[in-house]
C-alpha atoms as a PDB file:
ATOM      1  CA  MET A   1     -61.067  77.582  88.742  1.00  0.00           C
ATOM      2  CA  GLU A   2     -64.140  79.820  88.828  1.00  0.00           C
ATOM      3  CA  THR A   3     -65.486  79.010  85.331  1.00  0.00           C
ATOM      4  CA  PHE A   4     -64.908  75.273  85.188  1.00  0.00           C
ATOM      5  CA  PRO A   5     -64.143  74.283  88.817  1.00  0.00           C
ATOM      6  CA  ALA A   6     -65.062  70.599  88.604  1.00  0.00           C
ATOM      7  CA  LEU A   7     -63.235  70.040  85.297  1.00  0.00           C
ATOM      8  CA  LEU A   8     -60.091  71.821  86.474  1.00  0.00           C
ATOM      9  CA  LYS A   9     -59.979  69.868  89.748  1.00  0.00           C
ATOM     10  CA  TYR A  10     -59.950  66.544  87.935  1.00  0.00           C
ATOM     11  CA  LEU A  11     -57.586  67.917  85.282  1.00  0.00           C
ATOM     12  CA  LEU A  12     -55.098  68.977  87.975  1.00  0.00           C
ATOM     13  CA  LEU A  13     -55.216  65.484  89.450  1.00  0.00           C
ATOM     14  CA  VAL A  14     -54.625  63.746  86.103  1.00  0.00           C
ATOM     15  CA  ILE A  15     -51.839  66.101  84.993  1.00  0.00           C
ATOM     16  CA  GLY A  16     -50.174  65.788  88.388  1.00  0.00           C
ATOM     17  CA  LEU A  17     -50.178  61.987  88.151  1.00  0.00           C
ATOM     18  CA  ILE A  18     -48.676  62.052  84.653  1.00  0.00           C
ATOM     19  CA  VAL A  19     -45.919  64.467  85.729  1.00  0.00           C
ATOM     20  CA  LEU A  20     -45.195  62.322  88.806  1.00  0.00           C
ATOM     21  CA  ILE A  21     -44.766  59.103  86.849  1.00  0.00           C
ATOM     22  CA  LYS A  22     -42.470  60.634  84.209  1.00  0.00           C
ATOM     23  CA  SER A  23     -40.436  62.530  86.802  1.00  0.00           C
ATOM     24  CA  ALA A  24     -40.001  59.356  88.845  1.00  0.00           C
ATOM     25  CA  ASP A  25     -38.603  57.587  85.784  1.00  0.00           C
ATOM     26  CA  TRP A  26     -36.044  60.371  85.226  1.00  0.00           C
ATOM     27  CA  LEU A  27     -35.050  60.453  88.888  1.00  0.00           C
ATOM     28  CA  VAL A  28     -34.493  56.685  89.124  1.00  0.00           C
ATOM     29  CA  ARG A  29     -32.556  56.564  85.866  1.00  0.00           C
ATOM     30  CA  GLY A  30     -30.305  59.460  86.836  1.00  0.00           C
ATOM     31  CA  ALA A  31     -29.766  58.150  90.372  1.00  0.00           C
ATOM     32  CA  VAL A  32     -28.688  54.714  89.130  1.00  0.00           C
ATOM     33  CA  THR A  33     -26.184  56.298  86.745  1.00  0.00           C
ATOM     34  CA  VAL A  34     -24.671  58.433  89.514  1.00  0.00           C
ATOM     35  CA  ALA A  35     -24.475  55.440  91.867  1.00  0.00           C
ATOM     36  CA  ARG A  36     -22.589  53.403  89.290  1.00  0.00           C
ATOM     37  CA  ALA A  37     -20.278  56.237  88.257  1.00  0.00           C
ATOM     38  CA  PHE A  38     -19.134  56.949  91.820  1.00  0.00           C
ATOM     39  CA  ARG A  39     -19.226  53.308  92.955  1.00  0.00           C
ATOM     40  CA  ILE A  40     -21.849  54.156  95.578  1.00  0.00           C
ATOM     41  CA  SER A  41     -24.507  51.574  96.348  1.00  0.00           C
ATOM     42  CA  GLU A  42     -27.946  52.206  94.897  1.00  0.00           C
ATOM     43  CA  PHE A  43     -29.403  51.983  98.398  1.00  0.00           C
ATOM     44  CA  VAL A  44     -27.334  54.967  99.587  1.00  0.00           C
ATOM     45  CA  ILE A  45     -28.506  56.979  96.564  1.00  0.00           C
ATOM     46  CA  GLY A  46     -32.072  55.846  97.228  1.00  0.00           C
ATOM     47  CA  ILE A  47     -32.014  56.809 100.907  1.00  0.00           C
ATOM     48  CA  THR A  48     -30.544  60.267 100.200  1.00  0.00           C
ATOM     49  CA  VAL A  49     -31.077  61.908  96.795  1.00  0.00           C
ATOM     50  CA  VAL A  50     -34.160  59.924  95.749  1.00  0.00           C
ATOM     51  CA  SER A  51     -35.929  59.901  99.124  1.00  0.00           C
ATOM     52  CA  PHE A  52     -35.327  63.591  99.813  1.00  0.00           C
ATOM     53  CA  GLY A  53     -36.542  64.468  96.340  1.00  0.00           C
ATOM     54  CA  THR A  54     -39.731  62.431  96.654  1.00  0.00           C
ATOM     55  CA  SER A  55     -40.441  64.005 100.082  1.00  0.00           C
ATOM     56  CA  LEU A  56     -40.591  67.555  98.725  1.00  0.00           C
ATOM     57  CA  PRO A  57     -44.410  67.459  98.341  1.00  0.00           C
ATOM     58  CA  GLU A  58     -44.798  66.585 102.052  1.00  0.00           C
ATOM     59  CA  LEU A  59     -42.610  69.546 103.025  1.00  0.00           C
ATOM     60  CA  ILE A  60     -44.468  71.947 100.726  1.00  0.00           C
ATOM     61  CA  ILE A  61     -47.902  70.835 101.932  1.00  0.00           C
ATOM     62  CA  ALA A  62     -46.850  70.894 105.614  1.00  0.00           C
ATOM     63  CA  LEU A  63     -45.567  74.466 105.394  1.00  0.00           C
ATOM     64  CA  PHE A  64     -48.671  75.680 103.577  1.00  0.00           C
ATOM     65  CA  ALA A  65     -50.901  73.923 106.117  1.00  0.00           C
ATOM     66  CA  ALA A  66     -48.975  75.339 109.105  1.00  0.00           C
ATOM     67  CA  PHE A  67     -49.292  78.930 107.912  1.00  0.00           C
ATOM     68  CA  ASN A  68     -52.952  78.338 107.095  1.00  0.00           C
ATOM     69  CA  ASP A  69     -53.566  77.272 110.741  1.00  0.00           C
ATOM     70  CA  SER A  70     -54.347  73.652 109.808  1.00  0.00           C
ATOM     71  CA  PRO A  71     -52.354  71.598 112.366  1.00  0.00           C
ATOM     72  CA  ASP A  72     -54.369  68.423 111.768  1.00  0.00           C
ATOM     73  CA  LEU A  73     -53.404  68.615 108.112  1.00  0.00           C
ATOM     74  CA  VAL A  74     -49.700  68.980 109.000  1.00  0.00           C
ATOM     75  CA  ILE A  75     -49.659  65.948 111.317  1.00  0.00           C
ATOM     76  CA  GLY A  76     -52.012  63.920 109.137  1.00  0.00           C
ATOM     77  CA  ASN A  77     -49.841  64.633 106.106  1.00  0.00           C
ATOM     78  CA  VAL A  78     -46.660  63.293 107.743  1.00  0.00           C
ATOM     79  CA  VAL A  79     -48.150  60.388 109.724  1.00  0.00           C
ATOM     80  CA  GLY A  80     -50.458  59.313 106.907  1.00  0.00           C
ATOM     81  CA  SER A  81     -47.653  59.585 104.369  1.00  0.00           C
ATOM     82  CA  ASN A  82     -45.328  57.403 106.442  1.00  0.00           C
ATOM     83  CA  ILE A  83     -48.071  54.793 106.803  1.00  0.00           C
ATOM     84  CA  ALA A  84     -48.780  54.893 103.062  1.00  0.00           C
ATOM     85  CA  ASN A  85     -45.062  54.694 102.210  1.00  0.00           C
ATOM     86  CA  VAL A  86     -44.600  51.391 104.041  1.00  0.00           C
ATOM     87  CA  LEU A  87     -47.944  49.679 103.522  1.00  0.00           C
ATOM     88  CA  LEU A  88     -49.006  50.981 100.107  1.00  0.00           C
ATOM     89  CA  VAL A  89     -45.754  51.984  98.374  1.00  0.00           C
ATOM     90  CA  LEU A  90     -43.502  49.104  99.449  1.00  0.00           C
ATOM     91  CA  GLY A  91     -46.444  46.707  99.257  1.00  0.00           C
ATOM     92  CA  THR A  92     -47.175  47.649  95.647  1.00  0.00           C
ATOM     93  CA  ALA A  93     -43.499  47.735  94.633  1.00  0.00           C
ATOM     94  CA  SER A  94     -42.844  44.270  96.105  1.00  0.00           C
ATOM     95  CA  VAL A  95     -45.849  42.867  94.225  1.00  0.00           C
ATOM     96  CA  ILE A  96     -44.291  44.173  91.001  1.00  0.00           C
ATOM     97  CA  PHE A  97     -40.966  42.541  91.894  1.00  0.00           C
ATOM     98  CA  PRO A  98     -39.719  41.066  95.220  1.00  0.00           C
ATOM     99  CA  LEU A  99     -37.548  43.614  97.031  1.00  0.00           C
ATOM    100  CA  ALA A 100     -34.287  42.357  98.501  1.00  0.00           C
ATOM    101  CA  ALA A 101     -33.043  44.453 101.424  1.00  0.00           C
ATOM    102  CA  THR A 102     -29.366  44.382 102.339  1.00  0.00           C
ATOM    103  CA  ARG A 103     -28.327  43.131 105.771  1.00  0.00           C
ATOM    104  CA  ALA A 104     -26.937  46.600 106.522  1.00  0.00           C
ATOM    105  CA  THR A 105     -30.398  48.041 105.819  1.00  0.00           C
ATOM    106  CA  ILE A 106     -32.014  45.608 108.243  1.00  0.00           C
ATOM    107  CA  ALA A 107     -29.378  46.199 110.913  1.00  0.00           C
ATOM    108  CA  ARG A 108     -29.097  49.991 110.666  1.00  0.00           C
ATOM    109  CA  GLU A 109     -31.410  52.038 108.427  1.00  0.00           C
ATOM    110  CA  ILE A 110     -34.754  50.422 109.263  1.00  0.00           C
ATOM    111  CA  PRO A 111     -34.008  50.509 113.041  1.00  0.00           C
ATOM    112  CA  PHE A 112     -33.131  54.210 112.642  1.00  0.00           C
ATOM    113  CA  MET A 113     -36.527  54.744 111.014  1.00  0.00           C
ATOM    114  CA  LEU A 114     -38.149  52.888 113.929  1.00  0.00           C
ATOM    115  CA  MET A 115     -36.277  55.050 116.430  1.00  0.00           C
ATOM    116  CA  ALA A 116     -37.369  58.217 114.615  1.00  0.00           C
ATOM    117  CA  SER A 117     -40.984  57.024 114.738  1.00  0.00           C
ATOM    118  CA  PHE A 118     -40.861  56.342 118.492  1.00  0.00           C
ATOM    119  CA  VAL A 119     -39.197  59.725 119.108  1.00  0.00           C
ATOM    120  CA  VAL A 120     -41.919  61.633 117.272  1.00  0.00           C
ATOM    121  CA  VAL A 121     -44.638  59.762 119.209  1.00  0.00           C
ATOM    122  CA  GLY A 122     -43.028  60.894 122.466  1.00  0.00           C
ATOM    123  CA  MET A 123     -42.606  64.484 121.315  1.00  0.00           C
ATOM    124  CA  LEU A 124     -46.229  64.686 120.211  1.00  0.00           C
ATOM    125  CA  ASN A 125     -47.601  63.506 123.567  1.00  0.00           C
ATOM    126  CA  ASP A 126     -46.472  66.068 126.142  1.00  0.00           C
ATOM    127  CA  GLU A 127     -49.898  65.996 127.770  1.00  0.00           C
ATOM    128  CA  LEU A 128     -49.967  62.207 128.067  1.00  0.00           C
ATOM    129  CA  LEU A 129     -46.360  61.645 129.175  1.00  0.00           C
ATOM    130  CA  ASP A 130     -45.666  64.733 131.295  1.00  0.00           C
ATOM    131  CA  GLY A 131     -49.168  65.715 132.356  1.00  0.00           C
ATOM    132  CA  VAL A 132     -48.546  69.123 130.828  1.00  0.00           C
ATOM    133  CA  GLY A 133     -50.883  70.342 128.143  1.00  0.00           C
ATOM    134  CA  PRO A 134     -51.820  71.133 125.565  1.00  0.00           C
ATOM    135  CA  SER A 135     -49.530  68.970 123.424  1.00  0.00           C
ATOM    136  CA  LEU A 136     -47.476  71.187 121.150  1.00  0.00           C
ATOM    137  CA  LEU A 137     -44.642  70.795 118.688  1.00  0.00           C
ATOM    138  CA  GLY A 138     -42.523  73.816 119.549  1.00  0.00           C
ATOM    139  CA  ARG A 139     -39.360  75.236 118.085  1.00  0.00           C
ATOM    140  CA  SER A 140     -37.227  73.275 120.581  1.00  0.00           C
ATOM    141  CA  ASP A 141     -38.758  70.091 119.157  1.00  0.00           C
ATOM    142  CA  GLY A 142     -37.805  71.305 115.702  1.00  0.00           C
ATOM    143  CA  VAL A 143     -34.200  71.863 116.800  1.00  0.00           C
ATOM    144  CA  ALA A 144     -34.091  68.340 118.301  1.00  0.00           C
ATOM    145  CA  ARG A 145     -35.442  66.800 115.106  1.00  0.00           C
ATOM    146  CA  MET A 146     -32.929  68.611 112.924  1.00  0.00           C
ATOM    147  CA  GLY A 147     -30.191  67.431 115.299  1.00  0.00           C
ATOM    148  CA  PHE A 148     -31.258  63.811 114.845  1.00  0.00           C
ATOM    149  CA  PHE A 149     -31.306  64.360 111.106  1.00  0.00           C
ATOM    150  CA  ALA A 150     -27.770  65.791 111.198  1.00  0.00           C
ATOM    151  CA  ILE A 151     -26.646  62.576 112.916  1.00  0.00           C
ATOM    152  CA  PHE A 152     -28.343  60.539 110.193  1.00  0.00           C
ATOM    153  CA  ILE A 153     -26.673  62.572 107.442  1.00  0.00           C
ATOM    154  CA  TYR A 154     -23.271  62.160 109.128  1.00  0.00           C
ATOM    155  CA  TYR A 155     -23.789  58.404 109.313  1.00  0.00           C
ATOM    156  CA  THR A 156     -24.871  58.293 105.651  1.00  0.00           C
ATOM    157  CA  ALA A 157     -21.834  60.343 104.612  1.00  0.00           C
ATOM    158  CA  GLN A 158     -19.606  57.782 106.336  1.00  0.00           C
ATOM    159  CA  SER A 159     -21.379  55.019 104.425  1.00  0.00           C
ATOM    160  CA  ILE A 160     -20.827  56.850 101.138  1.00  0.00           C
ATOM    161  CA  ARG A 161     -17.138  57.326 101.930  1.00  0.00           C
ATOM    162  CA  ALA A 162     -16.724  53.651 102.797  1.00  0.00           C
ATOM    163  CA  GLU A 163     -18.549  52.407  99.718  1.00  0.00           C
ATOM    164  CA  SER A 164     -16.794  54.825  97.359  1.00  0.00           C
ATOM    165  CA  ASP A 165     -13.499  53.080  98.139  1.00  0.00           C
ATOM    166  CA  ARG A 166     -14.748  49.732  96.898  1.00  0.00           C
ATOM    167  CA  GLU A 167     -13.866  48.345  93.502  1.00  0.00           C
ATOM    168  CA  TRP A 168     -17.006  47.262  91.710  1.00  0.00           C
ATOM    169  CA  VAL A 169     -16.334  44.880  88.858  1.00  0.00           C
ATOM    170  CA  GLY A 170     -17.719  45.913  85.482  1.00  0.00           C
ATOM    171  CA  GLU A 171     -18.841  49.404  86.498  1.00  0.00           C
ATOM    172  CA  GLN A 172     -17.710  52.438  84.546  1.00  0.00           C
ATOM    173  CA  ARG A 173     -16.943  55.576  86.532  1.00  0.00           C
ATOM    174  CA  HIS A 174     -17.768  58.042  83.745  1.00  0.00           C
ATOM    175  CA  GLU A 175     -21.264  57.244  82.452  1.00  0.00           C
ATOM    176  CA  ARG A 176     -23.189  60.163  80.981  1.00  0.00           C
ATOM    177  CA  MET A 177     -22.833  62.132  84.211  1.00  0.00           C
ATOM    178  CA  GLY A 178     -24.076  65.433  82.755  1.00  0.00           C
ATOM    179  CA  ARG A 179     -27.294  63.876  81.523  1.00  0.00           C
ATOM    180  CA  ALA A 180     -27.761  61.968  84.790  1.00  0.00           C
ATOM    181  CA  ILE A 181     -27.501  65.138  86.895  1.00  0.00           C
ATOM    182  CA  VAL A 182     -30.045  66.874  84.652  1.00  0.00           C
ATOM    183  CA  GLU A 183     -32.387  63.884  84.994  1.00  0.00           C
ATOM    184  CA  ILE A 184     -32.098  63.998  88.797  1.00  0.00           C
ATOM    185  CA  VAL A 185     -32.724  67.759  89.014  1.00  0.00           C
ATOM    186  CA  VAL A 186     -35.602  67.700  86.534  1.00  0.00           C
ATOM    187  CA  GLY A 187     -37.014  64.572  88.187  1.00  0.00           C
ATOM    188  CA  ILE A 188     -37.013  66.142  91.669  1.00  0.00           C
ATOM    189  CA  ALA A 189     -38.540  69.381  90.351  1.00  0.00           C
ATOM    190  CA  GLY A 190     -41.164  67.414  88.445  1.00  0.00           C
ATOM    191  CA  LEU A 191     -42.043  65.368  91.534  1.00  0.00           C
ATOM    192  CA  ALA A 192     -42.565  68.542  93.567  1.00  0.00           C
ATOM    193  CA  ILE A 193     -44.707  70.144  90.854  1.00  0.00           C
ATOM    194  CA  GLY A 194     -46.640  66.982  90.035  1.00  0.00           C
ATOM    195  CA  GLY A 195     -47.222  66.240  93.707  1.00  0.00           C
ATOM    196  CA  ARG A 196     -48.581  69.729  94.323  1.00  0.00           C
ATOM    197  CA  LEU A 197     -50.891  69.585  91.299  1.00  0.00           C
ATOM    198  CA  ALA A 198     -52.207  66.152  92.266  1.00  0.00           C
ATOM    199  CA  VAL A 199     -52.783  67.137  95.894  1.00  0.00           C
ATOM    200  CA  ASP A 200     -54.471  70.441  94.986  1.00  0.00           C
ATOM    201  CA  GLY A 201     -56.897  68.611  92.740  1.00  0.00           C
ATOM    202  CA  ALA A 202     -57.491  65.763  95.191  1.00  0.00           C
ATOM    203  CA  VAL A 203     -58.031  68.046  98.207  1.00  0.00           C
ATOM    204  CA  ALA A 204     -60.453  70.245  96.272  1.00  0.00           C
ATOM    205  CA  ILE A 205     -62.463  67.182  95.244  1.00  0.00           C
ATOM    206  CA  ALA A 206     -62.376  65.772  98.793  1.00  0.00           C
ATOM    207  CA  MET A 207     -63.571  69.033 100.336  1.00  0.00           C
ATOM    208  CA  ASP A 208     -66.464  69.079  97.868  1.00  0.00           C
ATOM    209  CA  TRP A 209     -67.434  65.668  99.253  1.00  0.00           C
ATOM    210  CA  GLY A 210     -67.591  67.100 102.786  1.00  0.00           C
ATOM    211  CA  MET A 211     -64.586  65.321 104.333  1.00  0.00           C
ATOM    212  CA  SER A 212     -63.001  66.676 107.550  1.00  0.00           C
ATOM    213  CA  GLU A 213     -59.522  68.238 107.636  1.00  0.00           C
ATOM    214  CA  ALA A 214     -58.072  65.382 109.724  1.00  0.00           C
ATOM    215  CA  PHE A 215     -59.566  62.758 107.392  1.00  0.00           C
ATOM    216  CA  VAL A 216     -58.294  64.576 104.301  1.00  0.00           C
ATOM    217  CA  GLY A 217     -54.811  64.831 105.833  1.00  0.00           C
ATOM    218  CA  LEU A 218     -54.601  61.128 106.653  1.00  0.00           C
ATOM    219  CA  THR A 219     -56.080  59.909 103.387  1.00  0.00           C
ATOM    220  CA  VAL A 220     -56.219  62.185 100.346  1.00  0.00           C
ATOM    221  CA  VAL A 221     -53.236  64.405 101.202  1.00  0.00           C
ATOM    222  CA  ALA A 222     -51.166  61.542 102.629  1.00  0.00           C
ATOM    223  CA  ILE A 223     -51.727  59.368  99.567  1.00  0.00           C
ATOM    224  CA  GLY A 224     -51.272  62.366  97.283  1.00  0.00           C
ATOM    225  CA  THR A 225     -47.939  63.365  98.789  1.00  0.00           C
ATOM    226  CA  SER A 226     -46.856  59.699  98.729  1.00  0.00           C
ATOM    227  CA  LEU A 227     -47.453  59.508  94.987  1.00  0.00           C
ATOM    228  CA  PRO A 228     -43.812  60.471  94.225  1.00  0.00           C
ATOM    229  CA  GLU A 229     -42.598  57.630  96.458  1.00  0.00           C
ATOM    230  CA  LEU A 230     -45.153  55.272  94.903  1.00  0.00           C
ATOM    231  CA  ALA A 231     -44.183  56.202  91.357  1.00  0.00           C
ATOM    232  CA  THR A 232     -40.441  56.120  92.087  1.00  0.00           C
ATOM    233  CA  SER A 233     -40.444  52.815  94.011  1.00  0.00           C
ATOM    234  CA  CYS A 234     -42.689  51.110  91.455  1.00  0.00           C
ATOM    235  CA  VAL A 235     -40.476  52.276  88.579  1.00  0.00           C
ATOM    236  CA  ALA A 236     -37.397  51.150  90.545  1.00  0.00           C
ATOM    237  CA  ALA A 237     -38.972  47.732  91.213  1.00  0.00           C
ATOM    238  CA  TYR A 238     -39.904  47.375  87.534  1.00  0.00           C
ATOM    239  CA  ARG A 239     -36.306  48.215  86.624  1.00  0.00           C
ATOM    240  CA  ARG A 240     -35.086  45.659  89.222  1.00  0.00           C
ATOM    241  CA  ASN A 241     -33.472  48.404  91.343  1.00  0.00           C
ATOM    242  CA  ALA A 242     -34.689  47.029  94.674  1.00  0.00           C
ATOM    243  CA  ASP A 243     -32.170  49.044  96.702  1.00  0.00           C
ATOM    244  CA  ILE A 244     -33.608  52.308  95.386  1.00  0.00           C
ATOM    245  CA  ALA A 245     -37.186  51.147  96.017  1.00  0.00           C
ATOM    246  CA  VAL A 246     -36.448  50.267  99.659  1.00  0.00           C
ATOM    247  CA  GLY A 247     -34.039  53.136 100.304  1.00  0.00           C
ATOM    248  CA  ASN A 248     -36.553  55.602  98.886  1.00  0.00           C
ATOM    249  CA  VAL A 249     -39.214  54.626 101.453  1.00  0.00           C
ATOM    250  CA  VAL A 250     -36.911  54.318 104.479  1.00  0.00           C
ATOM    251  CA  GLY A 251     -35.172  57.619 103.713  1.00  0.00           C
ATOM    252  CA  SER A 252     -38.442  59.365 102.937  1.00  0.00           C
ATOM    253  CA  ASN A 253     -39.982  58.312 106.262  1.00  0.00           C
ATOM    254  CA  ILE A 254     -36.927  59.546 108.159  1.00  0.00           C
ATOM    255  CA  PHE A 255     -37.005  62.805 106.174  1.00  0.00           C
ATOM    256  CA  ASN A 256     -40.727  63.285 106.874  1.00  0.00           C
ATOM    257  CA  ILE A 257     -40.346  62.883 110.629  1.00  0.00           C
ATOM    258  CA  MET A 258     -37.086  64.749 111.105  1.00  0.00           C
ATOM    259  CA  VAL A 259     -37.037  67.435 108.413  1.00  0.00           C
ATOM    260  CA  VAL A 260     -40.644  68.026 107.347  1.00  0.00           C
ATOM    261  CA  LEU A 261     -41.914  68.248 110.931  1.00  0.00           C
ATOM    262  CA  GLY A 262     -38.659  69.855 112.077  1.00  0.00           C
ATOM    263  CA  ILE A 263     -38.700  72.717 109.570  1.00  0.00           C
ATOM    264  CA  THR A 264     -42.453  73.179 109.909  1.00  0.00           C
ATOM    265  CA  CYS A 265     -42.463  73.576 113.702  1.00  0.00           C
ATOM    266  CA  LEU A 266     -39.363  75.774 113.511  1.00  0.00           C
ATOM    267  CA  ALA A 267     -41.348  78.041 111.202  1.00  0.00           C
ATOM    268  CA  ARG A 268     -44.501  77.846 113.321  1.00  0.00           C
ATOM    269  CA  PRO A 269     -45.355  75.780 116.436  1.00  0.00           C
ATOM    270  CA  ILE A 270     -47.958  73.083 115.760  1.00  0.00           C
ATOM    271  CA  ALA A 271     -50.722  72.050 118.156  1.00  0.00           C
ATOM    272  CA  TYR A 272     -51.348  68.306 118.410  1.00  0.00           C
ATOM    273  CA  ASN A 273     -54.650  66.598 119.153  1.00  0.00           C
ATOM    274  CA  PRO A 274     -54.109  63.389 121.219  1.00  0.00           C
ATOM    275  CA  ALA A 275     -57.213  61.948 119.542  1.00  0.00           C
ATOM    276  CA  ASN A 276     -54.874  61.199 116.624  1.00  0.00           C
ATOM    277  CA  ASN A 277     -52.773  58.776 118.704  1.00  0.00           C
ATOM    278  CA  PRO A 278     -54.349  55.690 117.049  1.00  0.00           C
ATOM    279  CA  ASP A 279     -52.809  56.881 113.770  1.00  0.00           C
ATOM    280  CA  LEU A 280     -49.405  57.159 115.439  1.00  0.00           C
ATOM    281  CA  ALA A 281     -49.883  53.572 116.648  1.00  0.00           C
ATOM    282  CA  VAL A 282     -50.579  52.455 113.067  1.00  0.00           C
ATOM    283  CA  MET A 283     -47.429  54.266 111.896  1.00  0.00           C
ATOM    284  CA  LEU A 284     -45.362  52.363 114.479  1.00  0.00           C
ATOM    285  CA  PHE A 285     -47.090  49.093 113.575  1.00  0.00           C
ATOM    286  CA  ALA A 286     -46.336  49.641 109.875  1.00  0.00           C
ATOM    287  CA  ALA A 287     -42.644  50.228 110.628  1.00  0.00           C
ATOM    288  CA  LEU A 288     -42.516  47.080 112.769  1.00  0.00           C
ATOM    289  CA  LEU A 289     -44.344  45.128 110.047  1.00  0.00           C
ATOM    290  CA  LEU A 290     -41.715  46.222 107.506  1.00  0.00           C
ATOM    291  CA  TYR A 291     -38.943  45.154 109.859  1.00  0.00           C
ATOM    292  CA  GLY A 292     -40.625  41.794 110.356  1.00  0.00           C
ATOM    293  CA  ALA A 293     -41.078  41.298 106.603  1.00  0.00           C
ATOM    294  CA  THR A 294     -37.310  41.569 106.150  1.00  0.00           C
ATOM    295  CA  LEU A 295     -36.632  38.938 108.831  1.00  0.00           C
ATOM    296  CA  VAL A 296     -38.993  36.129 107.779  1.00  0.00           C
ATOM    297  CA  GLY A 297     -39.512  34.128 104.612  1.00  0.00           C
ATOM    298  CA  ARG A 298     -37.028  32.728 102.116  1.00  0.00           C
ATOM    299  CA  PRO A 299     -34.745  34.490 101.586  1.00  0.00           C
ATOM    300  CA  SER A 300     -35.324  36.288 104.881  1.00  0.00           C
ATOM    301  CA  THR A 301     -34.037  39.657 103.644  1.00  0.00           C
ATOM    302  CA  THR A 302     -36.509  39.867 100.759  1.00  0.00           C
ATOM    303  CA  ILE A 303     -40.005  41.349 100.856  1.00  0.00           C
ATOM    304  CA  GLN A 304     -41.846  38.738  98.812  1.00  0.00           C
ATOM    305  CA  ARG A 305     -44.992  39.281  96.743  1.00  0.00           C
ATOM    306  CA  GLY A 306     -47.135  37.588  99.389  1.00  0.00           C
ATOM    307  CA  GLU A 307     -45.785  39.928 102.055  1.00  0.00           C
ATOM    308  CA  GLY A 308     -46.447  42.840  99.717  1.00  0.00           C
ATOM    309  CA  VAL A 309     -50.066  41.761  99.397  1.00  0.00           C
ATOM    310  CA  LEU A 310     -50.268  41.617 103.212  1.00  0.00           C
ATOM    311  CA  LEU A 311     -48.943  45.184 103.448  1.00  0.00           C
ATOM    312  CA  ILE A 312     -51.525  46.409 100.926  1.00  0.00           C
ATOM    313  CA  LEU A 313     -54.380  44.583 102.699  1.00  0.00           C
ATOM    314  CA  THR A 314     -53.278  46.108 106.010  1.00  0.00           C
ATOM    315  CA  TYR A 315     -53.461  49.545 104.420  1.00  0.00           C
ATOM    316  CA  GLY A 316     -56.920  48.736 103.112  1.00  0.00           C
ATOM    317  CA  VAL A 317     -58.068  47.794 106.632  1.00  0.00           C
ATOM    318  CA  TYR A 318     -56.675  51.080 107.947  1.00  0.00           C
ATOM    319  CA  MET A 319     -58.557  53.015 105.256  1.00  0.00           C
ATOM    320  CA  VAL A 320     -61.798  51.263 106.223  1.00  0.00           C
ATOM    321  CA  TYR A 321     -61.139  52.217 109.873  1.00  0.00           C
ATOM    322  CA  LEU A 322     -60.609  55.864 108.908  1.00  0.00           C
ATOM    323  CA  VAL A 323     -63.831  55.947 106.903  1.00  0.00           C
ATOM    324  CA  GLN A 324     -65.783  54.471 109.815  1.00  0.00           C
ATOM    325  CA  ARG A 325     -64.119  56.885 112.248  1.00  0.00           C
ATOM    326  CA  GLY A 326     -65.031  59.785 109.980  1.00  0.00           C
END
């Protein structure tokens, strides 16, 4: 980095993107094979294995930022990533191919994501709600988040058990399982490595341009750590695996709020600046917009290309706001 700093920064970014795209392809392919072999719906695989794997970069970056005393980067990483997942990732994926959400997703998983978003807004605003300051994410908040996540995992396990008992016509139970497991493991590892390389390069370039820590967290880092979700959901949409594309984003957002923030504040309490509340409002608005997109249109459960364009344009407006805010 000392001899050719500029070249290496851009090289890290390019290599990271290449690794992300290839790893996403492996992860989706392996996940689909496992889903078919065990007669589990692709959405359940998407909301668990795929989403947790694509959220590894957020967890890695959050922990590094916490121990480097960069709380704005921790919060910006999670909040910005959740905004990017809904508006940019699902928007782009639905433009590639309309994404049909199941009625169970609309009735249960997306509302759970909404609930998780409202809970984190409340936990981050001690000073505003209780009149006690400063606002802080303490270890008790981390325990509460992990408890909510345990409930989510229990619910998902029940869904897997219920769906595993179904007879799916034309599916073969034994379908290159060894290769599929290798693809999933290598895909998740590649997403973590590629995400870290891409973010390292992007952050270094952004800092050279004189951007603030909060701005970098909400934009460069958030988009960078959402690249695994973007690559995975776009590949899934291209392969017509809409359940994985949607499940990946919903599960990733739940994982970011409950596990990434939970583990991070368990490791080290995080101070919160209430000036970032407008970004929390955008995160809630994005979740509500996703919910609305699955309730309107024909068919009502499908995120159509036009709705995808609306999601992307909304993200563009938010980016313009961040640039003007500085």
